[in-house]
């Protein structure tokens, strides 16, 4: 059941009324956000986040959840401004392999399970970066509205807006990533860094698209986990566009979901030529591949017959700047098998 939501901008306006006003305010526009001038700490930006206009003063104690949020902050050079991050222990191995490992080591770990309101309150956070149903959760009592009641702002990943509220916002996953980077850049007044990063990612995607071979794209099945039912990516999660940018086609691209479970029968019918396996969690990726090879129904699937398995690191599979790395690696693999 969806609980009634108090408009986020109304709560924020009440709290801001106690802040000192800048002696001179100038309205400008940057990164799609309205920016109100004053001193560095008094600047505010107005961002459309999941369809709601929210006004943000610059966060002083931001907290991020999981690799998606944390690496967006790191990629923008904001590690030294963070109060900490919460990282489920299932991501321990991906974190150890991350190119941002030095930043991970430099920032305080606030928790090794799911994020909670108690964790962010204890950390004296004033801003939280997470996704809807990817950190924020009505069932667990941590939503943007509940955080606002205790004076903490939030920003939800644009990709996750697909799952949020009565009027969900649907944006292609890579465009959602670019939106997040620009918005976070505006909130922390590092717009130039964000613009440079987004331009680089877009250029690399454009280069990949120029290398697509002629003919029908290779059918690719993204396998995250699950034995009774596989957990995979629909058309609204990052792997869908990772596969597409690489020159393949997600066999569940038409599924109007982000991450979801499906039946093995639908996988078998799709006859994937390649299975991309997400590497994380308590089960080593080698065990996941061994299971797929041994599963009776998959024995006739081309990917299993030809042993065409490609590994995608968890930090590259969730919405984040390394989605483009994943696309480049998958493209290289597809070309290596003539696809």
Protein backbone atom coordinates (compact mmCIF):
# COMPACT_ATOMS: atom_id res chain seq x y z
CA UNK A 1 0.00 0.00 0.00
CA UNK A 2 1.33 3.46 -0.87
CA UNK A 3 1.17 5.92 2.00
CA UNK A 4 0.12 9.55 1.39
CA UNK A 5 3.20 11.65 0.74
CA UNK A 6 3.84 15.16 2.00
CA UNK A 7 5.36 17.28 -0.80
CA UNK A 8 9.10 17.34 -0.21
CA UNK A 9 9.53 20.98 -1.26
CA UNK A 10 6.97 22.16 1.32
CA UNK A 11 8.87 20.56 4.19
CA UNK A 12 12.17 21.92 2.92
CA UNK A 13 10.79 25.46 2.67
CA UNK A 14 9.72 25.33 6.32
CA UNK A 15 13.20 24.31 7.45
CA UNK A 16 14.97 26.85 5.26
CA UNK A 17 13.00 29.69 6.82
CA UNK A 18 15.37 29.58 9.80
CA UNK A 19 18.49 29.95 7.63
CA UNK A 20 20.12 33.38 7.22
CA UNK A 21 19.21 35.02 3.92
CA UNK A 22 21.95 35.99 1.49
CA UNK A 23 22.30 39.72 1.13
CA UNK A 24 22.11 39.39 -2.63
CA UNK A 25 20.37 36.62 -4.55
CA UNK A 26 20.92 36.06 -8.24
CA UNK A 27 18.91 33.52 -10.20
CA UNK A 28 20.94 31.54 -12.71
CA UNK A 29 20.56 28.22 -14.48
CA UNK A 30 23.05 25.32 -14.50
CA UNK A 31 22.75 21.62 -15.33
CA UNK A 32 18.98 21.92 -15.66
CA UNK A 33 18.72 23.20 -12.09
CA UNK A 34 17.78 26.64 -10.81
CA UNK A 35 20.57 28.04 -8.65
CA UNK A 36 20.09 30.77 -6.07
CA UNK A 37 23.23 32.72 -5.23
CA UNK A 38 24.81 33.87 -1.99
CA UNK A 39 27.76 32.43 -0.08
CA UNK A 40 28.94 28.93 -0.99
CA UNK A 41 27.04 27.25 1.85
CA UNK A 42 23.91 29.39 1.28
CA UNK A 43 23.52 28.58 -2.43
CA UNK A 44 20.46 26.51 -3.20
CA UNK A 45 19.48 24.63 -6.33
CA UNK A 46 16.02 23.54 -7.36
CA UNK A 47 16.00 20.05 -8.86
CA UNK A 48 13.18 18.00 -10.35
CA UNK A 49 13.71 14.67 -8.60
CA UNK A 50 11.22 11.90 -9.40
CA UNK A 51 8.77 14.49 -10.69
CA UNK A 52 8.90 16.72 -7.59
CA UNK A 53 10.60 20.11 -7.41
CA UNK A 54 13.01 20.08 -4.46
CA UNK A 55 15.21 22.95 -3.31
CA UNK A 56 18.60 21.91 -1.94
CA UNK A 57 21.12 23.92 0.04
CA UNK A 58 24.58 22.42 -0.34
CA UNK A 59 24.82 19.29 1.86
CA UNK A 60 27.39 19.36 4.64
CA UNK A 61 27.15 15.72 5.78
CA UNK A 62 26.02 13.58 2.83
CA UNK A 63 25.58 9.81 3.12
CA UNK A 64 25.40 7.35 0.21
CA UNK A 65 23.97 3.84 -0.01
CA UNK A 66 25.41 0.95 -2.01
CA UNK A 67 27.84 1.13 -4.93
CA UNK A 68 25.49 2.99 -7.25
CA UNK A 69 25.24 6.06 -5.02
CA UNK A 70 28.73 5.90 -3.58
CA UNK A 71 30.52 5.70 -6.92
CA UNK A 72 28.51 8.57 -8.37
CA UNK A 73 29.86 10.67 -5.50
CA UNK A 74 33.40 9.36 -5.98
CA UNK A 75 33.33 9.95 -9.74
CA UNK A 76 32.50 13.60 -9.09
CA UNK A 77 35.41 13.96 -6.66
CA UNK A 78 33.17 14.30 -3.60
CA UNK A 79 34.67 11.61 -1.34
CA UNK A 80 36.21 14.16 1.01
CA UNK A 81 32.82 15.80 1.57
CA UNK A 82 31.01 12.63 2.63
CA UNK A 83 29.99 11.77 6.19
CA UNK A 84 30.06 8.12 5.17
CA UNK A 85 28.39 5.36 3.21
CA UNK A 86 26.39 2.20 3.89
CA UNK A 87 27.52 -0.86 1.93
CA UNK A 88 25.87 -4.29 2.20
CA UNK A 89 28.45 -7.01 2.85
CA UNK A 90 27.36 -8.74 -0.38
CA UNK A 91 29.32 -6.00 -2.18
CA UNK A 92 32.57 -6.57 -0.27
CA UNK A 93 34.31 -8.28 -3.19
CA UNK A 94 33.13 -5.77 -5.83
CA UNK A 95 34.29 -2.93 -3.58
CA UNK A 96 37.72 -4.55 -3.24
CA UNK A 97 37.99 -4.62 -7.06
CA UNK A 98 36.65 -1.12 -7.64
CA UNK A 99 38.84 1.54 -9.30
CA UNK A 100 37.54 3.78 -6.49
CA UNK A 101 39.00 1.51 -3.78
CA UNK A 102 41.18 4.31 -2.42
CA UNK A 103 38.13 6.52 -1.95
CA UNK A 104 36.20 3.69 -0.32
CA UNK A 105 39.04 3.26 2.17
CA UNK A 106 39.13 6.98 2.93
CA UNK A 107 35.42 7.37 3.74
CA UNK A 108 33.74 6.03 6.88
CA UNK A 109 31.63 2.87 6.55
CA UNK A 110 28.41 3.51 8.50
CA UNK A 111 26.86 0.09 8.04
CA UNK A 112 27.28 -3.24 6.25
CA UNK A 113 23.61 -4.11 5.76
CA UNK A 114 20.69 -2.14 4.31
CA UNK A 115 20.50 1.57 5.10
CA UNK A 116 18.16 2.65 7.90
CA UNK A 117 16.85 5.88 9.34
CA UNK A 118 18.73 5.15 12.57
CA UNK A 119 22.06 4.93 10.72
CA UNK A 120 21.69 8.25 8.96
CA UNK A 121 20.39 10.02 12.07
CA UNK A 122 23.28 8.66 14.16
CA UNK A 123 25.70 9.86 11.46
CA UNK A 124 24.19 13.37 11.73
CA UNK A 125 23.58 13.23 7.99
CA UNK A 126 21.83 16.13 6.29
CA UNK A 127 21.44 14.49 2.85
CA UNK A 128 21.05 10.89 1.65
CA UNK A 129 21.66 9.51 -1.84
CA UNK A 130 19.90 6.22 -2.60
CA UNK A 131 17.27 4.70 -4.87
CA UNK A 132 13.60 3.96 -4.39
CA UNK A 133 13.46 0.27 -3.44
CA UNK A 134 17.25 0.46 -3.64
CA UNK A 135 17.75 1.84 -0.16
CA UNK A 136 14.60 3.88 0.41
CA UNK A 137 11.69 1.71 1.49
CA UNK A 138 8.27 2.27 3.04
CA UNK A 139 8.39 -1.19 4.60
CA UNK A 140 11.65 -0.42 6.43
CA UNK A 141 10.60 3.09 7.40
CA UNK A 142 13.20 5.06 5.44
CA UNK A 143 11.63 7.30 2.81
CA UNK A 144 12.46 10.84 1.69
CA UNK A 145 9.36 12.06 3.50
CA UNK A 146 10.25 10.37 6.80
CA UNK A 147 13.80 11.68 6.60
CA UNK A 148 12.51 15.21 6.04
CA UNK A 149 10.63 14.94 9.33
CA UNK A 150 13.99 14.68 11.10
CA UNK A 151 15.67 17.38 9.00
CA UNK A 152 17.43 15.20 6.42
CA UNK A 153 17.15 15.79 2.70
CA UNK A 154 17.49 13.14 0.02
CA UNK A 155 17.96 12.54 -3.68
CA UNK A 156 16.61 9.42 -5.39
CA UNK A 157 18.33 7.86 -8.39
CA UNK A 158 16.47 8.87 -11.52
CA UNK A 159 16.41 5.25 -12.73
CA UNK A 160 14.50 4.28 -9.58
CA UNK A 161 11.84 6.95 -10.20
CA UNK A 162 10.23 4.31 -12.41
CA UNK A 163 9.11 2.55 -9.20
CA UNK A 164 8.18 5.66 -7.21
CA UNK A 165 4.77 7.12 -6.44
CA UNK A 166 1.51 7.23 -8.34
CA UNK A 167 2.98 8.97 -11.40
CA UNK A 168 6.33 7.26 -12.00
CA UNK A 169 8.96 8.97 -14.14
CA UNK A 170 10.36 6.80 -16.93
CA UNK A 171 13.77 7.77 -18.37
CA UNK A 172 16.13 5.43 -20.26
CA UNK A 173 18.74 4.12 -17.78
CA UNK A 174 21.80 5.80 -19.30
CA UNK A 175 20.01 9.13 -19.60
CA UNK A 176 18.93 8.62 -15.97
CA UNK A 177 22.59 8.18 -15.03
CA UNK A 178 23.57 11.38 -16.83
CA UNK A 179 20.72 13.20 -15.07
CA UNK A 180 21.93 11.99 -11.67
CA UNK A 181 25.49 13.10 -12.32
CA UNK A 182 24.40 16.54 -13.50
CA UNK A 183 21.96 16.96 -10.59
CA UNK A 184 24.49 15.86 -7.96
CA UNK A 185 27.04 18.15 -9.60
CA UNK A 186 24.61 21.06 -9.29
CA UNK A 187 23.73 20.26 -5.67
CA UNK A 188 27.43 20.19 -4.69
CA UNK A 189 28.42 23.07 -7.02
CA UNK A 190 30.76 20.97 -9.15
CA UNK A 191 28.83 21.43 -12.38
CA UNK A 192 31.96 21.57 -14.53
CA UNK A 193 33.12 18.18 -13.23
CA UNK A 194 29.70 16.70 -13.91
CA UNK A 195 29.51 18.12 -17.42
CA UNK A 196 32.98 16.82 -18.25
CA UNK A 197 32.20 13.36 -16.88
CA UNK A 198 28.87 13.09 -18.70
CA UNK A 199 30.42 14.29 -21.97
CA UNK A 200 33.13 11.60 -21.68
CA UNK A 201 30.58 8.85 -20.98
CA UNK A 202 28.38 9.97 -23.88
CA UNK A 203 31.33 10.08 -26.26
CA UNK A 204 32.38 6.55 -25.31
CA UNK A 205 28.84 5.26 -25.86
CA UNK A 206 28.74 6.96 -29.26
CA UNK A 207 32.01 5.25 -30.23
CA UNK A 208 30.59 1.87 -29.17
CA UNK A 209 27.44 2.37 -31.22
CA UNK A 210 29.56 2.99 -34.32
CA UNK A 211 31.12 -0.48 -33.91
CA UNK A 212 27.85 -2.42 -33.95
CA UNK A 213 28.03 -5.16 -36.57
CA UNK A 214 25.40 -5.40 -39.27
CA UNK A 215 22.55 -7.83 -38.89
CA UNK A 216 20.44 -8.88 -35.92
CA UNK A 217 22.02 -8.23 -32.50
CA UNK A 218 23.04 -11.13 -30.28
CA UNK A 219 20.41 -12.18 -27.74
CA UNK A 220 21.85 -11.71 -24.23
CA UNK A 221 20.43 -12.97 -20.93
CA UNK A 222 21.52 -11.05 -17.84
CA UNK A 223 21.71 -13.49 -14.91
CA UNK A 224 21.97 -11.93 -11.48
CA UNK A 225 21.02 -14.84 -9.22
CA UNK A 226 18.31 -17.35 -8.38
CA UNK A 227 17.73 -21.05 -8.95
CA UNK A 228 13.96 -21.59 -8.74
CA UNK A 229 13.45 -18.36 -10.69
CA UNK A 230 16.22 -16.23 -12.19
CA UNK A 231 16.60 -12.60 -11.11
CA UNK A 232 17.37 -10.40 -14.10
CA UNK A 233 17.14 -6.95 -15.65
CA UNK A 234 14.08 -5.70 -17.47
CA UNK A 235 14.07 -2.76 -19.84
CA UNK A 236 14.24 -0.11 -17.11
CA UNK A 237 17.54 -1.06 -15.43
CA UNK A 238 21.11 -0.25 -16.40
CA UNK A 239 22.04 -3.68 -17.85
CA UNK A 240 19.44 -3.25 -20.58
CA UNK A 241 21.33 -0.29 -22.02
CA UNK A 242 24.72 -1.82 -21.26
CA UNK A 243 23.73 -4.73 -23.50
CA UNK A 244 22.23 -2.45 -26.15
CA UNK A 245 25.26 -0.14 -26.23
CA UNK A 246 27.50 -3.18 -26.65
CA UNK A 247 25.55 -4.24 -29.72
CA UNK A 248 23.43 -6.96 -28.15
CA UNK A 249 19.77 -7.24 -27.21
CA UNK A 250 18.50 -7.99 -23.73
CA UNK A 251 16.07 -10.90 -24.04
CA UNK A 252 13.87 -9.11 -21.48
CA UNK A 253 14.13 -5.62 -22.98
CA UNK A 254 10.36 -5.53 -23.49
CA UNK A 255 9.71 -6.28 -19.81
CA UNK A 256 8.59 -2.98 -18.26
CA UNK A 257 10.52 -3.54 -15.03
CA UNK A 258 13.86 -2.67 -13.50
CA UNK A 259 15.21 -5.76 -11.68
CA UNK A 260 12.78 -8.64 -11.45
CA UNK A 261 12.28 -12.40 -11.39
CA UNK A 262 11.18 -14.34 -14.47
CA UNK A 263 10.49 -17.98 -15.33
CA UNK A 264 13.14 -20.29 -16.73
CA UNK A 265 10.76 -21.19 -19.53
CA UNK A 266 10.93 -17.64 -20.91
CA UNK A 267 14.74 -17.77 -20.84
CA UNK A 268 14.78 -21.07 -22.71
CA UNK A 269 12.31 -19.80 -25.34
CA UNK A 270 14.47 -16.72 -25.99
CA UNK A 271 17.50 -18.89 -26.84
CA UNK A 272 20.16 -16.44 -25.63
CA UNK A 273 23.50 -16.62 -27.42
CA UNK A 274 25.33 -15.11 -24.45
CA UNK A 275 24.66 -15.15 -20.71
CA UNK A 276 26.07 -12.18 -18.80
CA UNK A 277 26.55 -13.12 -15.14
CA UNK A 278 26.67 -10.49 -12.39
CA UNK A 279 29.56 -11.06 -9.98
CA UNK A 280 28.79 -10.28 -6.33
CA UNK A 281 27.36 -11.75 -3.15
CA UNK A 282 28.02 -14.87 -1.17
CA UNK A 283 27.96 -17.14 -4.23
CA UNK A 284 31.14 -17.01 -6.34
CA UNK A 285 30.48 -16.28 -10.00
CA UNK A 286 32.07 -19.63 -10.89
CA UNK A 287 29.33 -21.38 -8.92
CA UNK A 288 26.67 -19.39 -10.74
CA UNK A 289 28.09 -20.44 -14.10
CA UNK A 290 28.37 -24.06 -12.93
CA UNK A 291 24.69 -23.99 -11.96
CA UNK A 292 23.69 -22.58 -15.35
CA UNK A 293 25.66 -25.31 -17.12
CA UNK A 294 24.06 -28.03 -15.01
CA UNK A 295 20.46 -26.78 -15.18
CA UNK A 296 18.67 -29.35 -17.39
CA UNK A 297 16.37 -26.91 -19.17
CA UNK A 298 19.27 -24.74 -20.35
CA UNK A 299 21.34 -27.48 -21.94
CA UNK A 300 19.94 -26.75 -25.41
CA UNK A 301 20.33 -22.96 -25.09
CA UNK A 302 23.06 -21.69 -27.47
CA UNK A 303 24.90 -19.78 -24.72
CA UNK A 304 25.25 -22.94 -22.64
CA UNK A 305 26.01 -25.22 -25.56
CA UNK A 306 28.82 -22.89 -26.69
CA UNK A 307 29.82 -21.94 -23.11
CA UNK A 308 29.40 -18.26 -23.86
CA UNK A 309 29.40 -16.69 -20.40
CA UNK A 310 30.48 -13.11 -19.81
CA UNK A 311 31.06 -11.75 -16.29
CA UNK A 312 29.86 -8.27 -15.29
CA UNK A 313 31.05 -6.85 -11.99
CA UNK A 314 28.29 -5.70 -9.64
CA UNK A 315 29.72 -2.17 -9.56
CA UNK A 316 29.37 -2.04 -13.35
CA UNK A 317 25.86 -3.52 -13.45
CA UNK A 318 24.09 -1.09 -11.11
CA UNK A 319 23.39 2.48 -12.22
CA UNK A 320 26.70 4.32 -12.10
CA UNK A 321 29.61 5.74 -14.09
CA UNK A 322 31.05 2.27 -14.67
CA UNK A 323 28.04 1.21 -16.78
CA UNK A 324 30.03 2.40 -19.79
CA UNK A 325 33.00 0.23 -18.74
CA UNK A 326 30.62 -2.73 -18.69
CA UNK A 327 29.31 -1.89 -22.16
CA UNK A 328 32.84 -1.61 -23.56
CA UNK A 329 33.87 -4.97 -22.08
CA UNK A 330 30.72 -6.70 -23.30
CA UNK A 331 31.18 -5.21 -26.77
CA UNK A 332 34.73 -6.57 -26.86
CA UNK A 333 33.44 -10.00 -25.87
CA UNK A 334 30.66 -9.97 -28.47
CA UNK A 335 33.10 -8.99 -31.23
CA UNK A 336 35.44 -11.79 -30.08
CA UNK A 337 32.72 -14.37 -30.83
CA UNK A 338 31.79 -12.74 -34.10
CA UNK A 339 28.71 -10.93 -32.81
